[in-house]
């Protein structure tokens, strides 16, 4: 059986967690200014489409935000888990010397 190697960069997982947190925050902070844009359309049908799109996008945005939060928590947990295992293995190696 061949040797296999797993390389995990905790800093990469932490950076992923940080990036996902920023994106999640931005999605949550997006304002609902579609009414102003709809009012500026000058056409009732187009204004209604803008409002409809805005409503649907708000629903999608909320779902994306929740998914990003879940993914961010998973990345953080992975980073913590690998760090813990690395520390345990280092402690075991130190004890063998």
Protein backbone atom coordinates (compact mmCIF):
# COMPACT_ATOMS: atom_id res chain seq x y z
CA UNK A 1 0.00 0.00 0.00
CA UNK A 2 1.44 3.38 -1.02
CA UNK A 3 1.95 6.31 1.26
CA UNK A 4 -0.45 9.14 0.96
CA UNK A 5 0.03 12.67 2.16
CA UNK A 6 -2.50 15.23 3.28
CA UNK A 7 -1.36 18.81 3.43
CA UNK A 8 -3.67 21.25 5.15
CA UNK A 9 -2.91 24.92 5.41
CA UNK A 10 -4.78 26.26 8.38
CA UNK A 11 -4.13 29.79 7.19
CA UNK A 12 -5.97 29.01 3.94
CA UNK A 13 -8.97 27.69 5.84
CA UNK A 14 -8.92 30.72 8.13
CA UNK A 15 -8.72 33.02 5.08
CA UNK A 16 -11.67 31.18 3.55
CA UNK A 17 -13.64 31.61 6.77
CA UNK A 18 -12.80 35.32 6.81
CA UNK A 19 -13.74 35.84 3.16
CA UNK A 20 -17.03 33.99 3.54
CA UNK A 21 -17.83 36.08 6.60
CA UNK A 22 -17.24 39.30 4.67
CA UNK A 23 -19.38 38.15 1.74
CA UNK A 24 -22.15 37.04 4.11
CA UNK A 25 -22.08 40.41 5.84
CA UNK A 26 -22.29 42.23 2.49
CA UNK A 27 -25.26 40.13 1.38
CA UNK A 28 -27.03 40.84 4.65
CA UNK A 29 -26.31 44.56 4.41
CA UNK A 30 -27.60 44.94 0.85
CA UNK A 31 -30.43 47.41 1.00
CA UNK A 32 -33.82 47.14 -0.58
CA UNK A 33 -33.59 50.28 -2.70
CA UNK A 34 -35.39 48.64 -5.61
CA UNK A 35 -38.46 50.78 -4.95
CA UNK A 36 -36.48 53.90 -5.80
CA UNK A 37 -35.15 52.26 -8.97
CA UNK A 38 -38.64 51.06 -9.89
CA UNK A 39 -40.08 54.53 -9.39
CA UNK A 40 -37.41 55.93 -11.71
CA UNK A 41 -38.27 53.51 -14.53
CA UNK A 42 -41.04 55.67 -15.93
CA UNK A 43 -43.00 52.63 -17.07
CA UNK A 44 -45.46 50.81 -14.82
CA UNK A 45 -44.77 47.37 -16.31
CA UNK A 46 -41.01 47.74 -16.02
CA UNK A 47 -41.35 49.12 -12.50
CA UNK A 48 -43.38 46.06 -11.51
CA UNK A 49 -40.72 43.74 -12.99
CA UNK A 50 -38.00 45.57 -11.04
CA UNK A 51 -39.98 45.14 -7.81
CA UNK A 52 -40.65 41.46 -8.56
CA UNK A 53 -36.98 40.84 -9.28
CA UNK A 54 -36.02 42.63 -6.07
CA UNK A 55 -38.38 40.49 -4.01
CA UNK A 56 -37.08 37.28 -5.56
CA UNK A 57 -33.46 38.42 -5.22
CA UNK A 58 -34.00 39.19 -1.52
CA UNK A 59 -35.15 35.60 -1.00
CA UNK A 60 -32.16 34.22 -2.91
CA UNK A 61 -29.80 36.57 -1.08
CA UNK A 62 -31.08 35.36 2.30
CA UNK A 63 -30.55 31.74 1.22
CA UNK A 64 -27.04 32.51 -0.01
CA UNK A 65 -26.24 34.29 3.22
CA UNK A 66 -27.36 31.29 5.28
CA UNK A 67 -25.38 28.88 3.08
CA UNK A 68 -22.27 31.05 3.32
CA UNK A 69 -22.65 31.12 7.10
CA UNK A 70 -22.85 27.31 7.17
CA UNK A 71 -19.85 26.97 4.87
CA UNK A 72 -17.86 29.48 6.91
CA UNK A 73 -18.59 27.65 10.14
CA UNK A 74 -17.54 24.37 8.49
CA UNK A 75 -14.26 25.92 7.29
CA UNK A 76 -13.60 27.26 10.79
CA UNK A 77 -14.35 23.88 12.34
CA UNK A 78 -12.02 22.16 9.86
CA UNK A 79 -9.22 24.60 10.67
CA UNK A 80 -9.75 24.04 14.39
CA UNK A 81 -9.92 20.25 13.97
CA UNK A 82 -6.75 20.01 11.93
CA UNK A 83 -4.94 22.34 14.32
CA UNK A 84 -6.00 20.18 17.26
CA UNK A 85 -4.86 16.98 15.55
CA UNK A 86 -1.55 18.59 14.59
CA UNK A 87 -0.98 19.67 18.21
CA UNK A 88 -1.81 16.18 19.48
CA UNK A 89 0.56 14.57 16.99
CA UNK A 90 3.31 17.05 17.87
CA UNK A 91 2.80 16.23 21.55
CA UNK A 92 3.05 12.52 20.85
CA UNK A 93 6.21 13.00 18.80
CA UNK A 94 7.76 15.10 21.58
CA UNK A 95 6.92 12.38 24.11
CA UNK A 96 8.83 9.78 22.09
CA UNK A 97 12.12 11.66 22.22
